[in-house]
Amino acid sequence: MATESDQVTADMVEATEFPQLAINYQVRGVPRSVINEVHFVDGMVPEPLMLQSVLSALGKDEEGAGPPE
């Protein structure tokens, strides 16, 4: 998503190199995607499920998503 939109940013962090971040985000396994610092998606998930998780974190559903404001 971050490669397709300037409104999405993404960082990949090696948990063993940044243990404090791993603790802060309660990383127990990888991958763990953190959305807006409070929503989490664990494991490899299909793209539609990731999109649904992002929209849910934004308080939107797929039908009412539309372009970001």
PDB file of N, CA and C in Angstrom:
ATOM      1  N   MET A   1       0.828  -1.192   0.000  1.00  0.00           N
ATOM      2  CA  MET A   1       0.000   0.000   0.000  1.00  0.00           C
ATOM      3  C   MET A   1       0.869   1.251   0.000  1.00  0.00           C
ATOM      4  N   ALA A   2       1.968   1.196   0.740  1.00  0.00           N
ATOM      5  CA  ALA A   2       2.836   2.375   0.838  1.00  0.00           C
ATOM      6  C   ALA A   2       3.517   2.688  -0.489  1.00  0.00           C
ATOM      7  N   THR A   3       3.751   1.683  -1.308  1.00  0.00           N
ATOM      8  CA  THR A   3       4.377   1.944  -2.603  1.00  0.00           C
ATOM      9  C   THR A   3       3.394   2.558  -3.591  1.00  0.00           C
ATOM     10  N   GLU A   4       2.108   2.391  -3.333  1.00  0.00           N
ATOM     11  CA  GLU A   4       1.083   2.884  -4.248  1.00  0.00           C
ATOM     12  C   GLU A   4       0.471   4.217  -3.835  1.00  0.00           C
ATOM     13  N   SER A   5       0.660   4.622  -2.579  1.00  0.00           N
ATOM     14  CA  SER A   5       0.004   5.836  -2.097  1.00  0.00           C
ATOM     15  C   SER A   5       0.952   6.653  -1.231  1.00  0.00           C
ATOM     16  N   ASP A   6       0.998   7.962  -1.499  1.00  0.00           N
ATOM     17  CA  ASP A   6       1.789   8.858  -0.669  1.00  0.00           C
ATOM     18  C   ASP A   6       1.162   9.054   0.709  1.00  0.00           C
ATOM     19  N   GLN A   7      -0.086   8.638   0.874  1.00  0.00           N
ATOM     20  CA  GLN A   7      -0.778   8.807   2.147  1.00  0.00           C
ATOM     21  C   GLN A   7      -0.534   7.651   3.106  1.00  0.00           C
ATOM     22  N   VAL A   8       0.211   6.643   2.652  1.00  0.00           N
ATOM     23  CA  VAL A   8       0.518   5.482   3.485  1.00  0.00           C
ATOM     24  C   VAL A   8       2.028   5.390   3.634  1.00  0.00           C
ATOM     25  N   THR A   9       2.479   5.238   4.863  1.00  0.00           N
ATOM     26  CA  THR A   9       3.906   5.021   5.101  1.00  0.00           C
ATOM     27  C   THR A   9       4.092   3.663   5.752  1.00  0.00           C
ATOM     28  N   ALA A  10       5.244   3.080   5.516  1.00  0.00           N
ATOM     29  CA  ALA A  10       5.533   1.774   6.092  1.00  0.00           C
ATOM     30  C   ALA A  10       7.004   1.695   6.446  1.00  0.00           C
ATOM     31  N   ASP A  11       7.286   1.022   7.529  1.00  0.00           N
ATOM     32  CA  ASP A  11       8.643   0.737   7.952  1.00  0.00           C
ATOM     33  C   ASP A  11       8.728  -0.730   8.293  1.00  0.00           C
ATOM     34  N   MET A  12       9.853  -1.327   7.979  1.00  0.00           N
ATOM     35  CA  MET A  12      10.094  -2.716   8.358  1.00  0.00           C
ATOM     36  C   MET A  12      11.216  -2.696   9.382  1.00  0.00           C
ATOM     37  N   VAL A  13      10.984  -3.344  10.506  1.00  0.00           N
ATOM     38  CA  VAL A  13      11.941  -3.309  11.602  1.00  0.00           C
ATOM     39  C   VAL A  13      12.312  -4.735  11.988  1.00  0.00           C
ATOM     40  N   GLU A  14      13.590  -4.967  12.173  1.00  0.00           N
ATOM     41  CA  GLU A  14      14.081  -6.257  12.663  1.00  0.00           C
ATOM     42  C   GLU A  14      13.923  -6.252  14.184  1.00  0.00           C
ATOM     43  N   ALA A  15      13.020  -7.086  14.680  1.00  0.00           N
ATOM     44  CA  ALA A  15      12.679  -7.079  16.109  1.00  0.00           C
ATOM     45  C   ALA A  15      13.888  -7.353  16.997  1.00  0.00           C
ATOM     46  N   THR A  16      14.804  -8.198  16.552  1.00  0.00           N
ATOM     47  CA  THR A  16      15.963  -8.511  17.394  1.00  0.00           C
ATOM     48  C   THR A  16      16.947  -7.346  17.458  1.00  0.00           C
ATOM     49  N   GLU A  17      16.926  -6.463  16.468  1.00  0.00           N
ATOM     50  CA  GLU A  17      17.813  -5.309  16.475  1.00  0.00           C
ATOM     51  C   GLU A  17      17.203  -4.117  17.219  1.00  0.00           C
ATOM     52  N   PHE A  18      15.896  -4.132  17.382  1.00  0.00           N
ATOM     53  CA  PHE A  18      15.196  -3.052  18.078  1.00  0.00           C
ATOM     54  C   PHE A  18      14.261  -3.665  19.125  1.00  0.00           C
ATOM     55  N   PRO A  19      14.837  -4.259  20.169  1.00  0.00           N
ATOM     56  CA  PRO A  19      14.001  -4.971  21.149  1.00  0.00           C
ATOM     57  C   PRO A  19      12.981  -4.079  21.855  1.00  0.00           C
ATOM     58  N   GLN A  20      13.299  -2.799  22.056  1.00  0.00           N
ATOM     59  CA  GLN A  20      12.337  -1.925  22.732  1.00  0.00           C
ATOM     60  C   GLN A  20      11.077  -1.736  21.888  1.00  0.00           C
ATOM     61  N   LEU A  21      11.237  -1.619  20.566  1.00  0.00           N
ATOM     62  CA  LEU A  21      10.065  -1.535  19.694  1.00  0.00           C
ATOM     63  C   LEU A  21       9.260  -2.827  19.744  1.00  0.00           C
ATOM     64  N   ALA A  22       9.958  -3.940  19.746  1.00  0.00           N
ATOM     65  CA  ALA A  22       9.275  -5.240  19.822  1.00  0.00           C
ATOM     66  C   ALA A  22       8.470  -5.345  21.113  1.00  0.00           C
ATOM     67  N   ILE A  23       9.027  -4.845  22.197  1.00  0.00           N
ATOM     68  CA  ILE A  23       8.313  -4.859  23.475  1.00  0.00           C
ATOM     69  C   ILE A  23       7.126  -3.903  23.415  1.00  0.00           C
ATOM     70  N   ASN A  24       7.355  -2.692  22.916  1.00  0.00           N
ATOM     71  CA  ASN A  24       6.281  -1.690  22.845  1.00  0.00           C
ATOM     72  C   ASN A  24       5.086  -2.186  22.048  1.00  0.00           C
ATOM     73  N   TYR A  25       5.345  -2.912  20.944  1.00  0.00           N
ATOM     74  CA  TYR A  25       4.268  -3.392  20.079  1.00  0.00           C
ATOM     75  C   TYR A  25       3.916  -4.849  20.334  1.00  0.00           C
ATOM     76  N   GLN A  26       4.425  -5.399  21.443  1.00  0.00           N
ATOM     77  CA  GLN A  26       4.098  -6.759  21.878  1.00  0.00           C
ATOM     78  C   GLN A  26       4.286  -7.781  20.762  1.00  0.00           C
ATOM     79  N   VAL A  27       5.431  -7.693  20.093  1.00  0.00           N
ATOM     80  CA  VAL A  27       5.734  -8.629  19.009  1.00  0.00           C
ATOM     81  C   VAL A  27       6.088  -9.976  19.613  1.00  0.00           C
ATOM     82  N   ARG A  28       5.312 -10.991  19.264  1.00  0.00           N
ATOM     83  CA  ARG A  28       5.557 -12.356  19.723  1.00  0.00           C
ATOM     84  C   ARG A  28       5.935 -13.256  18.554  1.00  0.00           C
ATOM     85  N   GLY A  29       5.607 -12.797  17.358  1.00  0.00           N
ATOM     86  CA  GLY A  29       5.908 -13.528  16.135  1.00  0.00           C
ATOM     87  C   GLY A  29       5.899 -12.551  14.980  1.00  0.00           C
ATOM     88  N   VAL A  30       6.384 -13.015  13.876  1.00  0.00           N
ATOM     89  CA  VAL A  30       6.442 -12.135  12.711  1.00  0.00           C
ATOM     90  C   VAL A  30       5.794 -12.814  11.525  1.00  0.00           C
ATOM     91  N   PRO A  31       5.259 -12.085  10.577  1.00  0.00           N
ATOM     92  CA  PRO A  31       5.166 -10.636  10.596  1.00  0.00           C
ATOM     93  C   PRO A  31       4.053 -10.155  11.511  1.00  0.00           C
ATOM     94  N   ARG A  32       4.222  -8.973  12.029  1.00  0.00           N
ATOM     95  CA  ARG A  32       3.185  -8.272  12.790  1.00  0.00           C
ATOM     96  C   ARG A  32       3.080  -6.884  12.205  1.00  0.00           C
ATOM     97  N   SER A  33       1.941  -6.579  11.631  1.00  0.00           N
ATOM     98  CA  SER A  33       1.707  -5.251  11.058  1.00  0.00           C
ATOM     99  C   SER A  33       1.009  -4.392  12.097  1.00  0.00           C
ATOM    100  N   VAL A  34       1.522  -3.196  12.278  1.00  0.00           N
ATOM    101  CA  VAL A  34       0.961  -2.247  13.236  1.00  0.00           C
ATOM    102  C   VAL A  34       0.337  -1.117  12.432  1.00  0.00           C
ATOM    103  N   ILE A  35      -0.936  -0.865  12.683  1.00  0.00           N
ATOM    104  CA  ILE A  35      -1.667   0.168  11.950  1.00  0.00           C
ATOM    105  C   ILE A  35      -2.021   1.282  12.927  1.00  0.00           C
ATOM    106  N   ASN A  36      -1.528   2.473  12.635  1.00  0.00           N
ATOM    107  CA  ASN A  36      -1.783   3.654  13.480  1.00  0.00           C
ATOM    108  C   ASN A  36      -1.431   3.416  14.943  1.00  0.00           C
ATOM    109  N   GLU A  37      -0.424   2.608  15.172  1.00  0.00           N
ATOM    110  CA  GLU A  37       0.153   2.360  16.488  1.00  0.00           C
ATOM    111  C   GLU A  37      -0.735   1.604  17.463  1.00  0.00           C
ATOM    112  N   VAL A  38      -1.981   1.298  17.100  1.00  0.00           N
ATOM    113  CA  VAL A  38      -2.863   0.630  18.053  1.00  0.00           C
ATOM    114  C   VAL A  38      -3.577  -0.607  17.502  1.00  0.00           C
ATOM    115  N   HIS A  39      -3.618  -0.758  16.196  1.00  0.00           N
ATOM    116  CA  HIS A  39      -4.261  -1.922  15.586  1.00  0.00           C
ATOM    117  C   HIS A  39      -3.170  -2.848  15.047  1.00  0.00           C
ATOM    118  N   PHE A  40      -3.389  -4.142  15.182  1.00  0.00           N
ATOM    119  CA  PHE A  40      -2.374  -5.112  14.801  1.00  0.00           C
ATOM    120  C   PHE A  40      -2.953  -6.190  13.892  1.00  0.00           C
ATOM    121  N   VAL A  41      -2.123  -6.641  12.949  1.00  0.00           N
ATOM    122  CA  VAL A  41      -2.464  -7.779  12.099  1.00  0.00           C
ATOM    123  C   VAL A  41      -1.282  -8.736  12.208  1.00  0.00           C
ATOM    124  N   ASP A  42      -1.551  -9.951  12.645  1.00  0.00           N
ATOM    125  CA  ASP A  42      -0.489 -10.934  12.816  1.00  0.00           C
ATOM    126  C   ASP A  42      -0.485 -11.942  11.680  1.00  0.00           C
ATOM    127  N   GLY A  43       0.708 -12.238  11.201  1.00  0.00           N
ATOM    128  CA  GLY A  43       0.877 -13.237  10.160  1.00  0.00           C
ATOM    129  C   GLY A  43       0.698 -12.669   8.766  1.00  0.00           C
ATOM    130  N   MET A  44       0.979 -13.523   7.795  1.00  0.00           N
ATOM    131  CA  MET A  44       0.766 -13.157   6.393  1.00  0.00           C
ATOM    132  C   MET A  44      -0.727 -13.293   6.119  1.00  0.00           C
ATOM    133  N   VAL A  45      -1.339 -12.228   5.679  1.00  0.00           N
ATOM    134  CA  VAL A  45      -2.768 -12.268   5.390  1.00  0.00           C
ATOM    135  C   VAL A  45      -2.987 -11.853   3.942  1.00  0.00           C
ATOM    136  N   PRO A  46      -4.054 -12.348   3.313  1.00  0.00           N
ATOM    137  CA  PRO A  46      -4.360 -11.943   1.944  1.00  0.00           C
ATOM    138  C   PRO A  46      -4.614 -10.431   1.875  1.00  0.00           C
ATOM    139  N   GLU A  47      -4.325  -9.852   0.728  1.00  0.00           N
ATOM    140  CA  GLU A  47      -4.467  -8.410   0.540  1.00  0.00           C
ATOM    141  C   GLU A  47      -5.853  -7.884   0.925  1.00  0.00           C
ATOM    142  N   PRO A  48      -6.949  -8.561   0.540  1.00  0.00           N
ATOM    143  CA  PRO A  48      -8.269  -8.043   0.937  1.00  0.00           C
ATOM    144  C   PRO A  48      -8.441  -7.972   2.458  1.00  0.00           C
ATOM    145  N   LEU A  49      -7.884  -8.923   3.181  1.00  0.00           N
ATOM    146  CA  LEU A  49      -7.987  -8.904   4.639  1.00  0.00           C
ATOM    147  C   LEU A  49      -7.151  -7.761   5.226  1.00  0.00           C
ATOM    148  N   MET A  50      -5.979  -7.504   4.655  1.00  0.00           N
ATOM    149  CA  MET A  50      -5.159  -6.385   5.127  1.00  0.00           C
ATOM    150  C   MET A  50      -5.874  -5.062   4.863  1.00  0.00           C
ATOM    151  N   LEU A  51      -6.464  -4.928   3.675  1.00  0.00           N
ATOM    152  CA  LEU A  51      -7.222  -3.719   3.354  1.00  0.00           C
ATOM    153  C   LEU A  51      -8.368  -3.533   4.335  1.00  0.00           C
ATOM    154  N   GLN A  52      -9.081  -4.598   4.619  1.00  0.00           N
ATOM    155  CA  GLN A  52     -10.188  -4.537   5.569  1.00  0.00           C
ATOM    156  C   GLN A  52      -9.678  -4.113   6.952  1.00  0.00           C
ATOM    157  N   SER A  53      -8.521  -4.610   7.359  1.00  0.00           N
ATOM    158  CA  SER A  53      -7.953  -4.243   8.656  1.00  0.00           C
ATOM    159  C   SER A  53      -7.575  -2.771   8.697  1.00  0.00           C
ATOM    160  N   VAL A  54      -6.984  -2.260   7.620  1.00  0.00           N
ATOM    161  CA  VAL A  54      -6.611  -0.854   7.557  1.00  0.00           C
ATOM    162  C   VAL A  54      -7.856   0.026   7.603  1.00  0.00           C
ATOM    163  N   LEU A  55      -8.851  -0.317   6.814  1.00  0.00           N
ATOM    164  CA  LEU A  55     -10.088   0.468   6.806  1.00  0.00           C
ATOM    165  C   LEU A  55     -10.777   0.435   8.168  1.00  0.00           C
ATOM    166  N   SER A  56     -10.773  -0.715   8.801  1.00  0.00           N
ATOM    167  CA  SER A  56     -11.363  -0.841  10.126  1.00  0.00           C
ATOM    168  C   SER A  56     -10.618   0.038  11.129  1.00  0.00           C
ATOM    169  N   ALA A  57      -9.293   0.069  11.029  1.00  0.00           N
ATOM    170  CA  ALA A  57      -8.492   0.913  11.923  1.00  0.00           C
ATOM    171  C   ALA A  57      -8.810   2.384  11.716  1.00  0.00           C
ATOM    172  N   LEU A  58      -9.229   2.735  10.513  1.00  0.00           N
ATOM    173  CA  LEU A  58      -9.594   4.118  10.201  1.00  0.00           C
ATOM    174  C   LEU A  58     -11.063   4.416  10.507  1.00  0.00           C
ATOM    175  N   GLY A  59     -11.784   3.388  10.966  1.00  0.00           N
ATOM    176  CA  GLY A  59     -13.197   3.572  11.274  1.00  0.00           C
ATOM    177  C   GLY A  59     -14.079   3.574  10.051  1.00  0.00           C
ATOM    178  N   LYS A  60     -13.614   2.931   8.980  1.00  0.00           N
ATOM    179  CA  LYS A  60     -14.382   2.865   7.741  1.00  0.00           C
ATOM    180  C   LYS A  60     -14.607   1.411   7.371  1.00  0.00           C
ATOM    181  N   ASP A  61     -15.581   1.184   6.496  1.00  0.00           N
ATOM    182  CA  ASP A  61     -15.751  -0.144   5.932  1.00  0.00           C
ATOM    183  C   ASP A  61     -15.452  -0.061   4.435  1.00  0.00           C
ATOM    184  N   GLU A  62     -15.326  -1.222   3.789  1.00  0.00           N
ATOM    185  CA  GLU A  62     -14.961  -1.220   2.368  1.00  0.00           C
ATOM    186  C   GLU A  62     -15.964  -0.490   1.499  1.00  0.00           C
ATOM    187  N   GLU A  63     -17.246  -0.628   1.791  1.00  0.00           N
ATOM    188  CA  GLU A  63     -18.272  -0.014   0.951  1.00  0.00           C
ATOM    189  C   GLU A  63     -18.228   1.502   1.050  1.00  0.00           C
ATOM    190  N   GLY A  64     -17.981   2.022   2.257  1.00  0.00           N
ATOM    191  CA  GLY A  64     -17.971   3.457   2.434  1.00  0.00           C
ATOM    192  C   GLY A  64     -16.578   4.048   2.428  1.00  0.00           C
ATOM    193  N   ALA A  65     -15.618   3.293   1.931  1.00  0.00           N
ATOM    194  CA  ALA A  65     -14.223   3.727   2.021  1.00  0.00           C
ATOM    195  C   ALA A  65     -13.987   4.993   1.205  1.00  0.00           C
ATOM    196  N   GLY A  66     -14.122   4.922  -0.074  1.00  0.00           N
ATOM    197  CA  GLY A  66     -13.851   6.076  -0.919  1.00  0.00           C
ATOM    198  C   GLY A  66     -12.436   6.564  -0.757  1.00  0.00           C
ATOM    199  N   PRO A  67     -12.109   7.658  -1.386  1.00  0.00           N
ATOM    200  CA  PRO A  67     -10.743   8.189  -1.249  1.00  0.00           C
ATOM    201  C   PRO A  67     -10.546   8.789   0.142  1.00  0.00           C
ATOM    202  N   PRO A  68      -9.320   8.720   0.677  1.00  0.00           N
ATOM    203  CA  PRO A  68      -9.058   9.309   1.998  1.00  0.00           C
ATOM    204  C   PRO A  68      -9.309  10.808   1.965  1.00  0.00           C
ATOM    205  N   GLU A  69      -9.735  11.335   3.090  1.00  0.00           N
ATOM    206  CA  GLU A  69     -10.043  12.772   3.194  1.00  0.00           C
ATOM    207  C   GLU A  69      -8.798  13.561   3.487  1.00  0.00           C
TER     208      GLU A  69
END
